[in-house]
């Protein structure tokens, strides 16, 4: 199984999440086809949502979270 990691603002939980997506296809043309785990759930493997984050257009509807700068 091939996977890719993403961090973004989840509109459904209204917080930043880390998600491990399952991907299919050849390099350069891969698409996300499943959610392996997500930090919005406890445990992260117990994903219990509609998985709308698989659609990149849905994820891009909201501005990304502002980066936190620490010294």
Protein backbone atom coordinates (compact mmCIF):
# COMPACT_ATOMS: atom_id res chain seq x y z
CA UNK A 1 0.00 0.00 0.00
CA UNK A 2 1.37 3.43 -0.96
CA UNK A 3 0.62 6.35 1.34
CA UNK A 4 1.10 10.10 1.57
CA UNK A 5 1.00 12.36 4.62
CA UNK A 6 -0.84 15.71 4.79
CA UNK A 7 -1.48 18.38 7.40
CA UNK A 8 -4.44 20.71 6.89
CA UNK A 9 -7.39 22.41 8.59
CA UNK A 10 -10.36 20.03 8.80
CA UNK A 11 -13.55 21.99 8.20
CA UNK A 12 -15.67 19.31 9.84
CA UNK A 13 -13.76 19.21 13.15
CA UNK A 14 -12.60 22.85 12.89
CA UNK A 15 -9.00 22.02 13.84
CA UNK A 16 -5.68 21.17 12.25
CA UNK A 17 -5.24 17.45 11.54
CA UNK A 18 -2.54 15.13 10.28
CA UNK A 19 -3.82 12.53 7.84
CA UNK A 20 -2.20 9.50 6.24
CA UNK A 21 -3.88 8.90 2.87
CA UNK A 22 -3.73 5.72 0.80
CA UNK A 23 -2.84 6.56 -2.81
CA UNK A 24 -3.20 4.70 -6.12
CA UNK A 25 -1.73 5.21 -9.56
CA UNK A 26 1.65 5.75 -11.12
CA UNK A 27 4.04 8.42 -9.78
CA UNK A 28 2.96 11.84 -10.94
CA UNK A 29 -0.62 10.70 -11.48
CA UNK A 30 -1.45 9.30 -8.06
CA UNK A 31 -4.78 10.06 -6.43
CA UNK A 32 -5.94 9.73 -2.84
CA UNK A 33 -8.34 6.84 -2.47
CA UNK A 34 -8.57 6.19 1.27
CA UNK A 35 -7.83 7.53 4.75
CA UNK A 36 -5.49 5.25 6.73
CA UNK A 37 -5.48 7.39 9.88
CA UNK A 38 -6.36 10.88 11.08
CA UNK A 39 -5.48 12.74 14.28
CA UNK A 40 -9.08 13.95 14.61
CA UNK A 41 -9.96 10.49 15.96
CA UNK A 42 -8.84 8.45 18.96
CA UNK A 43 -7.28 6.13 18.03
CA UNK A 44 -6.26 7.73 14.72
CA UNK A 45 -7.08 4.53 12.82
CA UNK A 46 -10.76 4.73 13.89
CA UNK A 47 -11.73 7.15 11.12
CA UNK A 48 -15.49 7.66 11.42
CA UNK A 49 -16.38 10.48 9.04
CA UNK A 50 -17.48 10.91 5.44
CA UNK A 51 -13.81 11.29 4.34
CA UNK A 52 -14.56 14.43 2.31
CA UNK A 53 -10.86 15.32 2.68
CA UNK A 54 -10.15 12.85 -0.15
CA UNK A 55 -11.44 15.57 -2.49
CA UNK A 56 -8.73 18.22 -2.90
CA UNK A 57 -11.35 20.80 -3.96
CA UNK A 58 -13.06 20.33 -0.58
CA UNK A 59 -9.76 20.84 1.30
CA UNK A 60 -8.98 24.04 -0.66
CA UNK A 61 -12.25 25.78 0.27
CA UNK A 62 -10.70 27.14 3.45
CA UNK A 63 -7.52 29.08 4.03
CA UNK A 64 -4.71 27.04 5.56
CA UNK A 65 -4.00 27.47 9.26
CA UNK A 66 -1.44 30.16 10.06
CA UNK A 67 2.02 28.83 10.87
CA UNK A 68 3.16 29.12 14.46
CA UNK A 69 6.55 30.76 14.95
CA UNK A 70 8.48 29.87 18.09
CA UNK A 71 11.80 31.16 19.32
